[in-house]
Every structure is written in structure tokens, then in C-alpha cells.
N, C-alpha and C. Protein backbone atom coordinates (compact mmCIF):
# COMPACT_ATOMS: atom_id res chain seq x y z
N MET A 1 -55.79 -233.61 114.16
CA MET A 1 -56.12 -234.99 113.95
C MET A 1 -56.62 -235.15 112.52
N LYS A 2 -56.17 -236.22 111.87
CA LYS A 2 -56.57 -236.51 110.49
C LYS A 2 -57.66 -237.58 110.49
N VAL A 3 -58.75 -237.26 109.79
CA VAL A 3 -59.90 -238.15 109.71
C VAL A 3 -60.16 -238.46 108.24
N PHE A 4 -60.43 -239.72 107.96
CA PHE A 4 -60.81 -240.17 106.62
C PHE A 4 -62.28 -240.57 106.69
N ILE A 5 -63.12 -239.97 105.86
CA ILE A 5 -64.54 -240.33 105.84
C ILE A 5 -64.80 -241.19 104.61
N SER A 6 -65.10 -242.45 104.86
CA SER A 6 -65.48 -243.38 103.81
C SER A 6 -67.00 -243.39 103.76
N TYR A 7 -67.56 -243.21 102.58
CA TYR A 7 -69.01 -243.16 102.49
C TYR A 7 -69.51 -244.23 101.53
N GLY A 8 -70.71 -244.72 101.84
CA GLY A 8 -71.24 -245.89 101.14
C GLY A 8 -71.87 -245.60 99.80
N GLY A 9 -72.80 -244.70 99.75
CA GLY A 9 -73.51 -244.42 98.51
C GLY A 9 -73.25 -243.00 98.05
N THR A 10 -73.63 -242.74 96.81
CA THR A 10 -73.40 -241.41 96.25
C THR A 10 -74.12 -240.34 97.07
N ALA A 11 -75.33 -240.63 97.52
CA ALA A 11 -76.07 -239.65 98.33
C ALA A 11 -75.38 -239.40 99.67
N ASP A 12 -74.64 -240.40 100.16
CA ASP A 12 -73.91 -240.23 101.43
C ASP A 12 -72.77 -239.23 101.29
N GLN A 13 -72.32 -239.00 100.05
CA GLN A 13 -71.24 -238.04 99.85
C GLN A 13 -71.65 -236.64 100.30
N ILE A 14 -72.90 -236.28 100.08
CA ILE A 14 -73.38 -234.96 100.50
C ILE A 14 -73.24 -234.81 102.01
N THR A 15 -73.65 -235.84 102.74
CA THR A 15 -73.52 -235.82 104.20
C THR A 15 -72.05 -235.77 104.60
N ALA A 16 -71.20 -236.54 103.90
CA ALA A 16 -69.77 -236.56 104.20
C ALA A 16 -69.14 -235.19 103.98
N LEU A 17 -69.53 -234.51 102.92
CA LEU A 17 -68.98 -233.19 102.63
C LEU A 17 -69.46 -232.15 103.64
N ARG A 18 -70.71 -232.27 104.07
CA ARG A 18 -71.21 -231.37 105.12
C ARG A 18 -70.40 -231.59 106.40
N LEU A 19 -70.20 -232.85 106.72
CA LEU A 19 -69.45 -233.19 107.92
C LEU A 19 -68.01 -232.69 107.82
N GLN A 20 -67.42 -232.79 106.63
CA GLN A 20 -66.06 -232.29 106.43
C GLN A 20 -65.99 -230.79 106.72
N ALA A 21 -66.95 -230.05 106.22
CA ALA A 21 -66.97 -228.60 106.45
C ALA A 21 -67.09 -228.29 107.94
N LEU A 22 -67.93 -229.02 108.63
CA LEU A 22 -68.09 -228.82 110.07
C LEU A 22 -66.83 -229.22 110.83
N ALA A 23 -66.17 -230.27 110.37
CA ALA A 23 -64.96 -230.76 111.04
C ALA A 23 -63.83 -229.75 110.96
N VAL A 24 -63.70 -229.11 109.83
CA VAL A 24 -62.65 -228.09 109.67
C VAL A 24 -62.84 -226.99 110.70
N ALA A 25 -64.09 -226.65 110.97
CA ALA A 25 -64.37 -225.62 111.98
C ALA A 25 -63.97 -226.07 113.38
N HIS A 26 -63.86 -227.40 113.59
CA HIS A 26 -63.44 -227.94 114.88
C HIS A 26 -61.94 -228.28 114.90
N GLY A 27 -61.22 -227.84 113.87
CA GLY A 27 -59.77 -228.01 113.86
C GLY A 27 -59.28 -229.37 113.39
N LEU A 28 -60.14 -230.16 112.74
CA LEU A 28 -59.72 -231.46 112.23
C LEU A 28 -59.37 -231.36 110.76
N THR A 29 -58.50 -232.23 110.31
CA THR A 29 -58.19 -232.35 108.90
C THR A 29 -58.96 -233.56 108.40
N VAL A 30 -59.84 -233.36 107.42
CA VAL A 30 -60.73 -234.43 106.98
C VAL A 30 -60.61 -234.61 105.48
N TYR A 31 -60.50 -235.88 105.08
CA TYR A 31 -60.48 -236.22 103.65
C TYR A 31 -61.73 -237.02 103.31
N VAL A 32 -62.40 -236.60 102.24
CA VAL A 32 -63.56 -237.31 101.70
C VAL A 32 -63.19 -237.70 100.27
N PRO A 33 -63.18 -239.00 99.95
CA PRO A 33 -62.83 -239.40 98.59
C PRO A 33 -63.79 -238.81 97.55
N PRO A 34 -63.27 -238.51 96.37
CA PRO A 34 -64.13 -237.93 95.33
C PRO A 34 -65.20 -238.91 94.85
N ALA A 35 -66.27 -238.35 94.28
CA ALA A 35 -67.41 -239.16 93.84
C ALA A 35 -67.04 -240.18 92.77
N HIS A 36 -66.06 -239.85 91.91
CA HIS A 36 -65.72 -240.79 90.84
C HIS A 36 -65.21 -242.12 91.38
N THR A 37 -64.75 -242.15 92.63
CA THR A 37 -64.26 -243.40 93.21
C THR A 37 -65.41 -244.33 93.56
N ARG A 38 -66.64 -243.86 93.49
CA ARG A 38 -67.82 -244.67 93.83
C ARG A 38 -68.58 -245.17 92.61
N LYS A 39 -68.20 -244.71 91.43
CA LYS A 39 -68.97 -245.03 90.23
C LYS A 39 -68.62 -246.39 89.63
N GLU A 40 -67.39 -246.79 89.70
CA GLU A 40 -66.97 -248.06 89.12
C GLU A 40 -66.63 -249.03 90.23
N ILE A 41 -66.61 -250.30 89.88
CA ILE A 41 -66.17 -251.30 90.85
C ILE A 41 -64.65 -251.40 90.72
N PRO A 42 -63.93 -250.80 91.65
CA PRO A 42 -62.47 -250.75 91.53
C PRO A 42 -61.81 -252.07 91.96
N ASP A 43 -60.69 -252.38 91.31
CA ASP A 43 -59.90 -253.53 91.72
C ASP A 43 -58.96 -253.15 92.86
N PHE A 44 -58.68 -251.86 92.98
CA PHE A 44 -57.80 -251.36 94.02
C PHE A 44 -58.25 -249.95 94.39
N LEU A 45 -57.78 -249.48 95.51
CA LEU A 45 -58.15 -248.14 95.97
C LEU A 45 -57.54 -247.07 95.08
N ASP A 46 -58.25 -245.99 94.95
CA ASP A 46 -57.75 -244.80 94.28
C ASP A 46 -56.44 -244.41 94.99
N PRO A 47 -55.34 -244.13 94.26
CA PRO A 47 -54.06 -243.85 94.91
C PRO A 47 -54.10 -242.72 95.94
N GLN A 48 -54.80 -241.64 95.65
CA GLN A 48 -54.87 -240.54 96.61
C GLN A 48 -55.65 -240.97 97.85
N SER A 49 -56.73 -241.70 97.65
CA SER A 49 -57.52 -242.19 98.78
C SER A 49 -56.68 -243.15 99.63
N ALA A 50 -55.92 -244.02 98.97
CA ALA A 50 -55.08 -244.97 99.71
C ALA A 50 -54.06 -244.23 100.58
N GLN A 51 -53.46 -243.17 100.03
CA GLN A 51 -52.49 -242.39 100.80
C GLN A 51 -53.15 -241.69 101.98
N LYS A 52 -54.30 -241.05 101.75
CA LYS A 52 -55.00 -240.35 102.82
C LYS A 52 -55.49 -241.33 103.89
N LEU A 53 -55.88 -242.52 103.47
CA LEU A 53 -56.32 -243.54 104.41
C LEU A 53 -55.17 -243.98 105.30
N SER A 54 -54.02 -244.13 104.70
CA SER A 54 -52.85 -244.55 105.48
C SER A 54 -52.39 -243.46 106.45
N GLU A 55 -52.60 -242.18 106.11
CA GLU A 55 -52.20 -241.07 106.97
C GLU A 55 -53.22 -240.79 108.08
N ALA A 56 -54.44 -241.24 107.91
CA ALA A 56 -55.52 -240.92 108.84
C ALA A 56 -55.31 -241.58 110.20
N GLU A 57 -55.72 -240.86 111.24
CA GLU A 57 -55.70 -241.41 112.59
C GLU A 57 -57.02 -242.07 112.92
N ILE A 58 -58.09 -241.59 112.30
CA ILE A 58 -59.44 -242.11 112.52
C ILE A 58 -60.10 -242.30 111.16
N ILE A 59 -60.82 -243.41 111.02
CA ILE A 59 -61.63 -243.63 109.84
C ILE A 59 -63.08 -243.63 110.29
N LEU A 60 -63.86 -242.78 109.66
CA LEU A 60 -65.28 -242.70 109.94
C LEU A 60 -66.01 -243.24 108.72
N GLY A 61 -66.67 -244.38 108.88
CA GLY A 61 -67.47 -244.96 107.80
C GLY A 61 -68.88 -244.43 107.90
N LEU A 62 -69.45 -244.06 106.78
CA LEU A 62 -70.79 -243.50 106.73
C LEU A 62 -71.59 -244.30 105.70
N VAL A 63 -72.48 -245.15 106.17
CA VAL A 63 -73.28 -245.99 105.29
C VAL A 63 -74.75 -245.71 105.58
N GLY A 64 -75.29 -244.74 104.85
CA GLY A 64 -76.67 -244.34 105.09
C GLY A 64 -77.61 -244.68 103.95
N THR A 65 -77.10 -244.60 102.71
CA THR A 65 -77.99 -244.81 101.55
C THR A 65 -77.49 -245.88 100.59
N GLY A 66 -76.37 -246.47 100.86
CA GLY A 66 -75.83 -247.50 99.97
C GLY A 66 -74.48 -247.96 100.47
N LEU A 67 -73.96 -249.01 99.84
CA LEU A 67 -72.66 -249.53 100.24
C LEU A 67 -71.82 -249.80 99.00
N ALA A 68 -71.05 -248.80 98.59
CA ALA A 68 -70.19 -248.92 97.43
C ALA A 68 -69.03 -249.86 97.72
N LYS A 69 -68.56 -250.53 96.67
CA LYS A 69 -67.41 -251.44 96.81
C LYS A 69 -66.18 -250.67 97.31
N ALA A 70 -66.03 -249.43 96.87
CA ALA A 70 -64.88 -248.62 97.32
C ALA A 70 -64.94 -248.41 98.83
N CYS A 71 -66.12 -248.19 99.36
CA CYS A 71 -66.28 -248.02 100.81
C CYS A 71 -65.88 -249.30 101.54
N GLN A 72 -66.34 -250.43 101.04
CA GLN A 72 -65.97 -251.71 101.65
C GLN A 72 -64.45 -251.89 101.64
N GLN A 73 -63.81 -251.57 100.51
CA GLN A 73 -62.35 -251.69 100.42
C GLN A 73 -61.66 -250.76 101.40
N GLU A 74 -62.14 -249.53 101.51
CA GLU A 74 -61.53 -248.58 102.44
C GLU A 74 -61.65 -249.06 103.88
N LEU A 75 -62.81 -249.56 104.24
CA LEU A 75 -63.00 -250.03 105.62
C LEU A 75 -62.17 -251.28 105.91
N HIS A 76 -62.09 -252.20 104.96
CA HIS A 76 -61.24 -253.39 105.14
C HIS A 76 -59.77 -252.99 105.24
N THR A 77 -59.36 -251.99 104.45
CA THR A 77 -57.98 -251.50 104.52
C THR A 77 -57.73 -250.86 105.88
N GLY A 78 -58.69 -250.12 106.40
CA GLY A 78 -58.57 -249.53 107.73
C GLY A 78 -58.33 -250.59 108.79
N ILE A 79 -59.04 -251.70 108.70
CA ILE A 79 -58.84 -252.80 109.65
C ILE A 79 -57.44 -253.37 109.49
N ALA A 80 -57.02 -253.59 108.25
CA ALA A 80 -55.70 -254.15 107.98
C ALA A 80 -54.59 -253.24 108.50
N LEU A 81 -54.82 -251.93 108.47
CA LEU A 81 -53.83 -250.96 108.95
C LEU A 81 -53.97 -250.68 110.45
N HIS A 82 -54.89 -251.37 111.10
CA HIS A 82 -55.14 -251.21 112.55
C HIS A 82 -55.49 -249.77 112.92
N LYS A 83 -56.34 -249.17 112.10
CA LYS A 83 -56.77 -247.80 112.34
C LYS A 83 -57.93 -247.78 113.34
N ASN A 84 -58.05 -246.68 114.06
CA ASN A 84 -59.24 -246.45 114.88
C ASN A 84 -60.38 -246.17 113.92
N MET A 85 -61.50 -246.89 114.10
CA MET A 85 -62.61 -246.75 113.16
C MET A 85 -63.94 -246.69 113.89
N ILE A 86 -64.85 -245.96 113.27
CA ILE A 86 -66.26 -245.98 113.65
C ILE A 86 -67.02 -246.08 112.33
N VAL A 87 -67.88 -247.10 112.23
CA VAL A 87 -68.71 -247.27 111.04
C VAL A 87 -70.15 -246.99 111.46
N MET A 88 -70.67 -245.88 110.96
CA MET A 88 -72.03 -245.47 111.31
C MET A 88 -72.95 -245.89 110.17
N SER A 89 -73.99 -246.67 110.54
CA SER A 89 -74.82 -247.27 109.52
C SER A 89 -76.31 -247.09 109.79
N ASP A 90 -77.04 -246.95 108.71
CA ASP A 90 -78.49 -247.01 108.75
C ASP A 90 -78.85 -248.46 109.11
N PRO A 91 -79.92 -248.67 109.86
CA PRO A 91 -80.30 -250.04 110.25
C PRO A 91 -80.43 -251.01 109.07
N GLU A 92 -80.78 -250.50 107.90
CA GLU A 92 -80.96 -251.33 106.71
C GLU A 92 -79.68 -252.09 106.33
N PHE A 93 -78.51 -251.49 106.58
CA PHE A 93 -77.25 -252.09 106.13
C PHE A 93 -76.53 -252.90 107.21
N VAL A 94 -77.10 -252.96 108.40
CA VAL A 94 -76.47 -253.69 109.50
C VAL A 94 -76.19 -255.15 109.15
N PRO A 95 -77.14 -255.88 108.51
CA PRO A 95 -76.84 -257.28 108.20
C PRO A 95 -75.60 -257.46 107.32
N VAL A 96 -75.36 -256.53 106.41
CA VAL A 96 -74.20 -256.63 105.52
C VAL A 96 -72.91 -256.24 106.25
N LEU A 97 -73.01 -255.27 107.15
CA LEU A 97 -71.82 -254.73 107.82
C LEU A 97 -71.47 -255.46 109.11
N GLN A 98 -72.44 -256.12 109.72
CA GLN A 98 -72.23 -256.66 111.06
C GLN A 98 -71.08 -257.64 111.14
N GLN A 99 -71.01 -258.59 110.26
CA GLN A 99 -69.97 -259.61 110.36
C GLN A 99 -68.56 -259.02 110.21
N PRO A 100 -68.27 -258.28 109.15
CA PRO A 100 -66.88 -257.81 109.05
C PRO A 100 -66.53 -256.62 109.94
N PHE A 101 -67.52 -255.80 110.30
CA PHE A 101 -67.21 -254.55 110.99
C PHE A 101 -67.87 -254.40 112.36
N GLU A 102 -68.34 -255.48 112.94
CA GLU A 102 -69.10 -255.41 114.19
C GLU A 102 -68.41 -254.62 115.30
N PRO A 103 -67.09 -254.78 115.51
CA PRO A 103 -66.46 -254.03 116.61
C PRO A 103 -66.48 -252.51 116.40
N TYR A 104 -66.71 -252.08 115.17
CA TYR A 104 -66.65 -250.65 114.83
C TYR A 104 -68.03 -250.06 114.55
N LEU A 105 -69.06 -250.89 114.54
CA LEU A 105 -70.38 -250.50 114.04
C LEU A 105 -71.22 -249.75 115.08
N VAL A 106 -71.79 -248.62 114.63
CA VAL A 106 -72.77 -247.86 115.40
C VAL A 106 -73.98 -247.70 114.50
N VAL A 107 -75.12 -248.19 114.96
CA VAL A 107 -76.34 -248.08 114.17
C VAL A 107 -76.96 -246.70 114.42
N ILE A 108 -77.21 -246.00 113.33
CA ILE A 108 -77.83 -244.68 113.40
C ILE A 108 -79.30 -244.86 113.05
N ASP A 109 -80.10 -244.94 114.09
CA ASP A 109 -81.53 -245.17 113.92
C ASP A 109 -82.27 -243.88 114.27
N PRO A 110 -82.86 -243.22 113.27
CA PRO A 110 -83.58 -241.97 113.54
C PRO A 110 -84.68 -242.13 114.59
N ALA A 111 -85.21 -243.33 114.73
CA ALA A 111 -86.26 -243.56 115.72
C ALA A 111 -85.70 -243.64 117.14
N ASN A 112 -84.40 -243.92 117.27
CA ASN A 112 -83.75 -244.04 118.58
C ASN A 112 -82.42 -243.28 118.61
N PRO A 113 -82.45 -241.97 118.48
CA PRO A 113 -81.20 -241.22 118.43
C PRO A 113 -80.38 -241.32 119.72
N ASP A 114 -81.03 -241.53 120.86
CA ASP A 114 -80.28 -241.63 122.11
C ASP A 114 -79.39 -242.87 122.12
N GLN A 115 -79.87 -243.97 121.57
CA GLN A 115 -79.05 -245.19 121.49
C GLN A 115 -77.87 -244.97 120.54
N SER A 116 -78.10 -244.24 119.46
CA SER A 116 -77.03 -243.94 118.52
C SER A 116 -75.95 -243.10 119.20
N TYR A 117 -76.36 -242.11 119.97
CA TYR A 117 -75.43 -241.25 120.68
C TYR A 117 -74.59 -242.06 121.67
N VAL A 118 -75.25 -242.95 122.41
CA VAL A 118 -74.54 -243.81 123.37
C VAL A 118 -73.52 -244.68 122.64
N GLY A 119 -73.89 -245.20 121.48
CA GLY A 119 -72.96 -246.01 120.69
C GLY A 119 -71.74 -245.22 120.25
N ILE A 120 -71.95 -243.98 119.84
CA ILE A 120 -70.83 -243.11 119.44
C ILE A 120 -69.89 -242.89 120.63
N VAL A 121 -70.47 -242.58 121.77
CA VAL A 121 -69.66 -242.32 122.98
C VAL A 121 -68.86 -243.57 123.36
N GLN A 122 -69.48 -244.74 123.31
CA GLN A 122 -68.78 -245.98 123.66
C GLN A 122 -67.60 -246.23 122.72
N HIS A 123 -67.78 -246.00 121.44
CA HIS A 123 -66.68 -246.20 120.49
C HIS A 123 -65.56 -245.19 120.72
N LEU A 124 -65.91 -243.97 121.05
CA LEU A 124 -64.88 -242.96 121.29
C LEU A 124 -64.08 -243.26 122.55
N LYS A 125 -64.70 -243.87 123.55
CA LYS A 125 -63.97 -244.23 124.76
C LYS A 125 -62.88 -245.26 124.46
N ALA A 126 -63.13 -246.10 123.47
CA ALA A 126 -62.17 -247.14 123.13
C ALA A 126 -61.01 -246.63 122.26
N ILE A 127 -61.19 -245.46 121.68
CA ILE A 127 -60.16 -244.91 120.79
C ILE A 127 -59.08 -244.23 121.60
N ASP A 128 -57.84 -244.56 121.28
CA ASP A 128 -56.69 -243.97 121.96
C ASP A 128 -56.35 -242.66 121.27
N ALA A 129 -56.88 -241.59 121.81
CA ALA A 129 -56.64 -240.26 121.23
C ALA A 129 -56.67 -239.24 122.35
N GLN A 130 -56.17 -238.05 122.06
CA GLN A 130 -56.17 -236.98 123.04
C GLN A 130 -57.61 -236.58 123.36
N GLN A 131 -57.82 -236.04 124.54
CA GLN A 131 -59.17 -235.66 124.98
C GLN A 131 -59.80 -234.65 124.03
N ASN A 132 -59.03 -233.68 123.55
CA ASN A 132 -59.58 -232.68 122.63
C ASN A 132 -60.04 -233.33 121.34
N ALA A 133 -59.27 -234.31 120.86
CA ALA A 133 -59.65 -235.02 119.63
C ALA A 133 -60.93 -235.81 119.84
N LYS A 134 -61.05 -236.43 121.01
CA LYS A 134 -62.26 -237.19 121.31
C LYS A 134 -63.48 -236.26 121.37
N LYS A 135 -63.30 -235.09 121.95
CA LYS A 135 -64.40 -234.13 122.02
C LYS A 135 -64.81 -233.69 120.62
N ALA A 136 -63.81 -233.44 119.77
CA ALA A 136 -64.12 -233.03 118.40
C ALA A 136 -64.82 -234.15 117.65
N LEU A 137 -64.37 -235.40 117.85
CA LEU A 137 -65.01 -236.53 117.18
C LEU A 137 -66.42 -236.76 117.72
N LEU A 138 -66.62 -236.56 119.00
CA LEU A 138 -67.96 -236.67 119.57
C LEU A 138 -68.87 -235.61 118.95
N ALA A 139 -68.34 -234.41 118.80
CA ALA A 139 -69.12 -233.35 118.17
C ALA A 139 -69.47 -233.74 116.73
N LEU A 140 -68.50 -234.29 116.01
CA LEU A 140 -68.76 -234.71 114.63
C LEU A 140 -69.77 -235.84 114.58
N GLY A 141 -69.62 -236.81 115.47
CA GLY A 141 -70.58 -237.91 115.51
C GLY A 141 -71.98 -237.42 115.79
N THR A 142 -72.09 -236.48 116.70
CA THR A 142 -73.40 -235.91 117.04
C THR A 142 -73.96 -235.14 115.85
N LEU A 143 -73.11 -234.36 115.19
CA LEU A 143 -73.54 -233.64 114.00
C LEU A 143 -73.97 -234.60 112.90
N LEU A 144 -73.21 -235.68 112.73
CA LEU A 144 -73.55 -236.67 111.73
C LEU A 144 -74.91 -237.30 112.05
N LEU A 145 -75.12 -237.62 113.30
CA LEU A 145 -76.40 -238.17 113.72
C LEU A 145 -77.53 -237.20 113.34
N GLY A 146 -77.33 -235.94 113.63
CA GLY A 146 -78.32 -234.93 113.28
C GLY A 146 -78.53 -234.83 111.78
N LEU A 147 -77.45 -234.85 111.02
CA LEU A 147 -77.57 -234.77 109.57
C LEU A 147 -78.33 -235.96 109.00
N LEU A 148 -78.05 -237.16 109.53
CA LEU A 148 -78.73 -238.35 109.02
C LEU A 148 -80.20 -238.37 109.41
N ILE A 149 -80.51 -237.86 110.58
CA ILE A 149 -81.91 -237.82 111.01
C ILE A 149 -82.67 -236.79 110.17
N LEU A 150 -82.02 -235.66 109.87
CA LEU A 150 -82.68 -234.61 109.11
C LEU A 150 -82.63 -234.81 107.61
N ALA A 151 -81.80 -235.72 107.11
CA ALA A 151 -81.64 -235.92 105.67
C ALA A 151 -82.95 -236.20 104.95
N PRO A 152 -83.84 -237.07 105.48
CA PRO A 152 -85.10 -237.28 104.78
C PRO A 152 -85.91 -235.99 104.63
N ALA A 153 -85.86 -235.11 105.62
CA ALA A 153 -86.59 -233.85 105.53
C ALA A 153 -86.00 -232.95 104.46
N ASP A 154 -84.66 -233.02 104.26
CA ASP A 154 -84.00 -232.20 103.24
C ASP A 154 -84.42 -232.62 101.83
N GLN A 155 -84.73 -233.89 101.63
CA GLN A 155 -85.01 -234.42 100.31
C GLN A 155 -86.46 -234.19 99.87
N SER A 156 -87.32 -233.78 100.78
CA SER A 156 -88.74 -233.61 100.41
C SER A 156 -89.01 -232.25 99.83
């Protein structure tokens, strides 16, 4: 299964790359756009990112520390391409993401990890994928939840 991880802020790239490494161990093919795609306000998607986005079966949005314009473009493109998506967000960014991405949004609240886990499971039930792929994505979602909860501890 091919997964595209769109990340919001530069600090989110670290989490995305950790998740990519873990995903490979679960047999998934994961693409994380390079950091340079987050530095400028692009008029269009990076060509390699656009290709990988179009090839992806699942788009995982990760908005924990910021919301880059490139991330917004990738997520809007995912909707336009009718891709299966999960957008995992810190509660701080919910007001910005709720209107355009509400059907795909899972709030990752470190204070309520059980609700976050339930949200991940509900989104995976709606995705049309093989059972093994869903299990791998659930594992990734759970790992992502753990990474986001532990991220503040890593920075101290």
C-alpha cells in the first residue's frame, strides 16, 4: 500500500520521517515530501510530490505544529483526486482545518488519547482497503498518536 504523508509545519517533518521509517517496517511504501517544499509559498505542487500524491492509496495529513501552504494544497488535491484521507491535527489547528477537511479530521489531543484512537479506528473503517492494510494503518495511526504525545517530552 502506498501512503503519502503531508505535514503541516517544519517540526512535523521529524514526526513524518519517524512514521515513514516505522511504516516501512510494516510493509508500506511511504512518501514524505522534502523540507524545501515547506519553505516557500508555492503556486503549484512540487512535481515529485504531485506524482507521489497521485499514486498514493492513502493520504495521511499531519498537522501538529503548523500548517504550511504546501500541506493545504496537498490535502485539497487529495480531495480532488478522491483519495482516502485521514488528517490528524493538534486541537489548536481544528478551527482552520474543520471546514475544508471535516470528514477526514481526527483530533490528536494528548489529554484524551483514547478519543484520538477511536477517531483513527472510525476513519479506517470507512476506508476501502484490504484488512492487512487497515491493520498497518491502524498501527501507524497509533504510533503517530504516541509520537505526537511524546513529542513535547523529546523537545525538553
